[in-house]
Amino acid sequence: FISSCSLDKVVQHHGVHNLEKKQAKLKINYTNKNDIIKLIGPPSTKSSFDNDIYIYLERKTSSSRLTRLGKKRLIKNDVLVLEIDNTGILLSKKFYD
């Protein structure tokens, strides 16, 4: 009578896949905007004050057990904040896990 329930682990992924590995390839004072977009893609959030700030997100949740009744468990929640100067060069990067 429970035909639509699954016992397999279901992982929902939002944002950029493998953000931690991709951010390791970025070099401060060397990488430019085009390299960043080519490597990681467009930012999740973008703001511009004095310098441009790109924010990338990665979030993984899982709901695997029937006994949890649909509650989700957080597997990964990473945030990458990049600051880019007026000429398009990466000034700083901060990675939060």
N, C-alpha and C. Protein backbone atom coordinates (compact mmCIF):
# COMPACT_ATOMS: atom_id res chain seq x y z
N PHE A 1 0.80 -1.20 0.00
CA PHE A 1 0.00 0.00 0.00
C PHE A 1 0.86 1.28 0.00
N ILE A 2 2.14 1.14 0.23
CA ILE A 2 3.05 2.30 0.17
C ILE A 2 3.89 2.15 -1.09
N SER A 3 3.29 2.46 -2.21
CA SER A 3 3.97 2.24 -3.49
C SER A 3 4.87 3.40 -3.90
N SER A 4 4.56 4.60 -3.45
CA SER A 4 5.36 5.74 -3.89
C SER A 4 6.52 6.05 -2.95
N CYS A 5 6.66 5.35 -1.84
CA CYS A 5 7.76 5.60 -0.92
C CYS A 5 9.03 4.88 -1.40
N SER A 6 10.15 5.49 -1.17
CA SER A 6 11.41 4.92 -1.59
C SER A 6 12.34 4.83 -0.39
N LEU A 7 13.12 3.76 -0.32
CA LEU A 7 14.08 3.60 0.77
C LEU A 7 15.46 4.09 0.37
N ASP A 8 15.62 4.49 -0.89
CA ASP A 8 16.90 5.01 -1.35
C ASP A 8 17.13 6.41 -0.81
N LYS A 9 18.40 6.75 -0.67
CA LYS A 9 18.77 8.08 -0.20
C LYS A 9 18.54 9.10 -1.31
N VAL A 10 17.80 10.16 -1.00
CA VAL A 10 17.50 11.21 -1.96
C VAL A 10 18.29 12.45 -1.55
N VAL A 11 19.18 12.90 -2.43
CA VAL A 11 20.01 14.07 -2.15
C VAL A 11 19.55 15.21 -3.06
N GLN A 12 19.20 16.33 -2.46
CA GLN A 12 18.82 17.51 -3.22
C GLN A 12 19.98 18.49 -3.18
N HIS A 13 20.37 18.98 -4.34
CA HIS A 13 21.54 19.85 -4.45
C HIS A 13 21.11 21.18 -5.05
N HIS A 14 21.50 22.27 -4.38
CA HIS A 14 21.20 23.62 -4.85
C HIS A 14 22.49 24.41 -4.95
N GLY A 15 22.63 25.19 -5.98
CA GLY A 15 23.81 26.03 -6.14
C GLY A 15 24.87 25.38 -7.00
N VAL A 16 26.13 25.73 -6.74
CA VAL A 16 27.26 25.29 -7.54
C VAL A 16 27.78 23.95 -7.01
N HIS A 17 27.92 22.97 -7.89
CA HIS A 17 28.47 21.68 -7.50
C HIS A 17 29.98 21.80 -7.28
N ASN A 18 30.51 21.11 -6.28
CA ASN A 18 31.94 21.06 -5.96
C ASN A 18 32.55 22.45 -5.79
N LEU A 19 31.90 23.29 -5.04
CA LEU A 19 32.35 24.67 -4.84
C LEU A 19 33.71 24.73 -4.17
N GLU A 20 33.97 23.85 -3.22
CA GLU A 20 35.24 23.87 -2.50
C GLU A 20 36.43 23.59 -3.42
N LYS A 21 36.28 22.63 -4.33
CA LYS A 21 37.35 22.31 -5.28
C LYS A 21 37.56 23.43 -6.30
N LYS A 22 36.47 24.02 -6.76
CA LYS A 22 36.57 25.07 -7.77
C LYS A 22 37.19 26.33 -7.20
N GLN A 23 36.87 26.67 -5.95
CA GLN A 23 37.41 27.89 -5.38
C GLN A 23 38.90 27.78 -5.12
N ALA A 24 39.41 26.57 -4.99
CA ALA A 24 40.85 26.38 -4.77
C ALA A 24 41.67 26.78 -6.00
N LYS A 25 41.03 26.78 -7.16
CA LYS A 25 41.73 27.13 -8.40
C LYS A 25 41.82 28.65 -8.63
N LEU A 26 41.09 29.43 -7.85
CA LEU A 26 41.11 30.88 -7.99
C LEU A 26 42.33 31.47 -7.30
N LYS A 27 43.03 32.36 -7.97
CA LYS A 27 44.24 32.99 -7.42
C LYS A 27 44.01 34.48 -7.24
N ILE A 28 44.30 34.96 -6.04
CA ILE A 28 44.13 36.38 -5.71
C ILE A 28 45.15 37.20 -6.49
N ASN A 29 44.72 38.36 -6.97
CA ASN A 29 45.51 39.30 -7.78
C ASN A 29 45.94 38.71 -9.13
N TYR A 30 45.32 37.64 -9.58
CA TYR A 30 45.66 37.02 -10.86
C TYR A 30 44.41 36.70 -11.68
N THR A 31 43.43 36.07 -11.05
CA THR A 31 42.21 35.64 -11.73
C THR A 31 41.32 36.85 -12.01
N ASN A 32 40.68 36.88 -13.20
CA ASN A 32 39.77 37.98 -13.52
C ASN A 32 38.32 37.49 -13.56
N LYS A 33 37.40 38.43 -13.80
CA LYS A 33 35.96 38.12 -13.83
C LYS A 33 35.62 37.02 -14.82
N ASN A 34 36.19 37.11 -16.01
CA ASN A 34 35.89 36.13 -17.06
C ASN A 34 36.33 34.73 -16.64
N ASP A 35 37.49 34.62 -16.01
CA ASP A 35 37.97 33.31 -15.53
C ASP A 35 37.04 32.75 -14.47
N ILE A 36 36.56 33.61 -13.58
CA ILE A 36 35.67 33.18 -12.50
C ILE A 36 34.36 32.64 -13.08
N ILE A 37 33.77 33.38 -14.00
CA ILE A 37 32.50 32.95 -14.60
C ILE A 37 32.68 31.69 -15.43
N LYS A 38 33.82 31.57 -16.09
CA LYS A 38 34.10 30.37 -16.89
C LYS A 38 34.26 29.14 -15.99
N LEU A 39 34.92 29.30 -14.84
CA LEU A 39 35.18 28.19 -13.93
C LEU A 39 33.98 27.81 -13.07
N ILE A 40 33.34 28.81 -12.47
CA ILE A 40 32.27 28.53 -11.50
C ILE A 40 30.89 28.79 -12.07
N GLY A 41 30.78 29.75 -12.98
CA GLY A 41 29.49 30.11 -13.53
C GLY A 41 29.03 31.45 -12.98
N PRO A 42 27.82 31.86 -13.32
CA PRO A 42 27.33 33.14 -12.80
C PRO A 42 27.09 33.06 -11.30
N PRO A 43 27.27 34.17 -10.59
CA PRO A 43 27.10 34.14 -9.13
C PRO A 43 25.65 33.98 -8.71
N SER A 44 25.45 33.42 -7.51
CA SER A 44 24.11 33.30 -6.95
C SER A 44 23.58 34.67 -6.59
N THR A 45 24.45 35.52 -6.03
CA THR A 45 24.10 36.89 -5.67
C THR A 45 25.26 37.80 -6.06
N LYS A 46 24.92 38.99 -6.50
CA LYS A 46 25.93 39.94 -6.97
C LYS A 46 25.61 41.30 -6.39
N SER A 47 26.63 42.00 -5.87
CA SER A 47 26.41 43.35 -5.39
C SER A 47 27.60 44.21 -5.81
N SER A 48 27.38 45.51 -5.86
CA SER A 48 28.47 46.40 -6.21
C SER A 48 28.41 47.65 -5.35
N PHE A 49 29.44 47.85 -4.57
CA PHE A 49 29.61 49.08 -3.80
C PHE A 49 30.83 49.76 -4.41
N ASP A 50 31.95 49.79 -3.70
CA ASP A 50 33.19 50.27 -4.29
C ASP A 50 33.75 49.23 -5.25
N ASN A 51 33.68 47.97 -4.84
CA ASN A 51 34.12 46.84 -5.66
C ASN A 51 32.95 45.88 -5.86
N ASP A 52 33.04 45.05 -6.88
CA ASP A 52 32.01 44.03 -7.10
C ASP A 52 32.20 42.91 -6.10
N ILE A 53 31.09 42.37 -5.60
CA ILE A 53 31.12 41.23 -4.70
C ILE A 53 30.25 40.14 -5.29
N TYR A 54 30.84 38.98 -5.53
CA TYR A 54 30.11 37.81 -6.03
C TYR A 54 29.96 36.82 -4.88
N ILE A 55 28.76 36.26 -4.73
CA ILE A 55 28.50 35.28 -3.69
C ILE A 55 27.99 34.01 -4.36
N TYR A 56 28.66 32.91 -4.07
CA TYR A 56 28.29 31.60 -4.60
C TYR A 56 27.85 30.70 -3.45
N LEU A 57 26.82 29.89 -3.69
CA LEU A 57 26.27 29.01 -2.67
C LEU A 57 26.29 27.56 -3.13
N GLU A 58 26.46 26.66 -2.17
CA GLU A 58 26.29 25.23 -2.42
C GLU A 58 25.59 24.64 -1.21
N ARG A 59 24.49 23.95 -1.44
CA ARG A 59 23.72 23.38 -0.34
C ARG A 59 23.23 21.99 -0.74
N LYS A 60 23.49 21.02 0.11
CA LYS A 60 23.03 19.65 -0.10
C LYS A 60 22.21 19.22 1.10
N THR A 61 21.03 18.68 0.83
CA THR A 61 20.18 18.12 1.89
C THR A 61 19.80 16.71 1.49
N SER A 62 19.46 15.93 2.49
CA SER A 62 19.10 14.54 2.24
C SER A 62 17.90 14.16 3.08
N SER A 63 17.02 13.39 2.50
CA SER A 63 15.91 12.78 3.24
C SER A 63 15.89 11.31 2.85
N SER A 64 16.38 10.47 3.74
CA SER A 64 16.60 9.09 3.34
C SER A 64 15.76 8.08 4.11
N ARG A 65 15.45 8.36 5.35
CA ARG A 65 14.81 7.34 6.17
C ARG A 65 13.30 7.55 6.24
N LEU A 66 12.60 6.46 6.21
CA LEU A 66 11.16 6.49 6.33
C LEU A 66 10.76 6.93 7.74
N THR A 67 11.59 6.60 8.74
CA THR A 67 11.26 6.93 10.13
C THR A 67 11.36 8.43 10.41
N ARG A 68 12.07 9.17 9.59
CA ARG A 68 12.21 10.62 9.81
C ARG A 68 11.01 11.39 9.27
N LEU A 69 10.16 10.75 8.50
CA LEU A 69 8.92 11.31 7.98
C LEU A 69 9.11 12.62 7.22
N GLY A 70 10.04 12.62 6.30
CA GLY A 70 10.22 13.75 5.41
C GLY A 70 11.13 14.85 5.92
N LYS A 71 11.66 14.73 7.13
CA LYS A 71 12.58 15.74 7.62
C LYS A 71 13.89 15.63 6.86
N LYS A 72 14.48 16.76 6.56
CA LYS A 72 15.70 16.77 5.77
C LYS A 72 16.91 17.00 6.66
N ARG A 73 18.01 16.33 6.30
CA ARG A 73 19.27 16.47 7.02
C ARG A 73 20.22 17.27 6.15
N LEU A 74 20.86 18.28 6.73
CA LEU A 74 21.79 19.12 6.00
C LEU A 74 23.13 18.42 5.88
N ILE A 75 23.59 18.20 4.65
CA ILE A 75 24.86 17.52 4.40
C ILE A 75 25.96 18.55 4.20
N LYS A 76 25.70 19.56 3.39
CA LYS A 76 26.72 20.55 3.06
C LYS A 76 26.05 21.91 2.87
N ASN A 77 26.70 22.95 3.42
CA ASN A 77 26.21 24.31 3.26
C ASN A 77 27.42 25.22 3.16
N ASP A 78 27.90 25.47 1.94
CA ASP A 78 29.11 26.25 1.71
C ASP A 78 28.77 27.58 1.06
N VAL A 79 29.55 28.61 1.40
CA VAL A 79 29.38 29.93 0.82
C VAL A 79 30.76 30.46 0.42
N LEU A 80 30.86 31.01 -0.78
CA LEU A 80 32.09 31.61 -1.28
C LEU A 80 31.80 33.07 -1.60
N VAL A 81 32.60 33.98 -1.00
CA VAL A 81 32.45 35.41 -1.23
C VAL A 81 33.70 35.91 -1.93
N LEU A 82 33.53 36.48 -3.13
CA LEU A 82 34.65 36.99 -3.92
C LEU A 82 34.52 38.50 -4.06
N GLU A 83 35.62 39.21 -3.85
CA GLU A 83 35.65 40.65 -4.05
C GLU A 83 36.51 40.96 -5.27
N ILE A 84 35.93 41.69 -6.20
CA ILE A 84 36.59 41.99 -7.47
C ILE A 84 36.73 43.50 -7.62
N ASP A 85 37.91 43.96 -8.00
CA ASP A 85 38.14 45.42 -8.11
C ASP A 85 37.58 45.98 -9.41
N ASN A 86 37.78 47.28 -9.64
CA ASN A 86 37.22 47.97 -10.80
C ASN A 86 37.76 47.45 -12.13
N THR A 87 39.00 46.93 -12.13
CA THR A 87 39.58 46.42 -13.37
C THR A 87 39.20 44.97 -13.65
N GLY A 88 38.50 44.32 -12.72
CA GLY A 88 38.04 42.95 -12.93
C GLY A 88 38.95 41.89 -12.37
N ILE A 89 39.89 42.26 -11.51
CA ILE A 89 40.83 41.30 -10.91
C ILE A 89 40.34 40.92 -9.52
N LEU A 90 40.51 39.66 -9.16
CA LEU A 90 40.09 39.13 -7.86
C LEU A 90 40.96 39.71 -6.74
N LEU A 91 40.34 40.42 -5.79
CA LEU A 91 41.06 41.01 -4.66
C LEU A 91 41.12 40.08 -3.45
N SER A 92 39.99 39.45 -3.14
CA SER A 92 39.95 38.56 -1.98
C SER A 92 38.89 37.49 -2.17
N LYS A 93 39.09 36.39 -1.47
CA LYS A 93 38.09 35.32 -1.47
C LYS A 93 37.97 34.78 -0.06
N LYS A 94 36.74 34.52 0.33
CA LYS A 94 36.46 33.96 1.65
C LYS A 94 35.54 32.78 1.45
N PHE A 95 35.94 31.64 2.00
CA PHE A 95 35.16 30.41 1.86
C PHE A 95 34.65 30.01 3.24
N TYR A 96 33.34 29.87 3.37
CA TYR A 96 32.70 29.47 4.63
C TYR A 96 32.03 28.13 4.41
N ASP A 97 32.32 27.19 5.32
CA ASP A 97 31.64 25.89 5.23
C ASP A 97 30.77 25.65 6.44
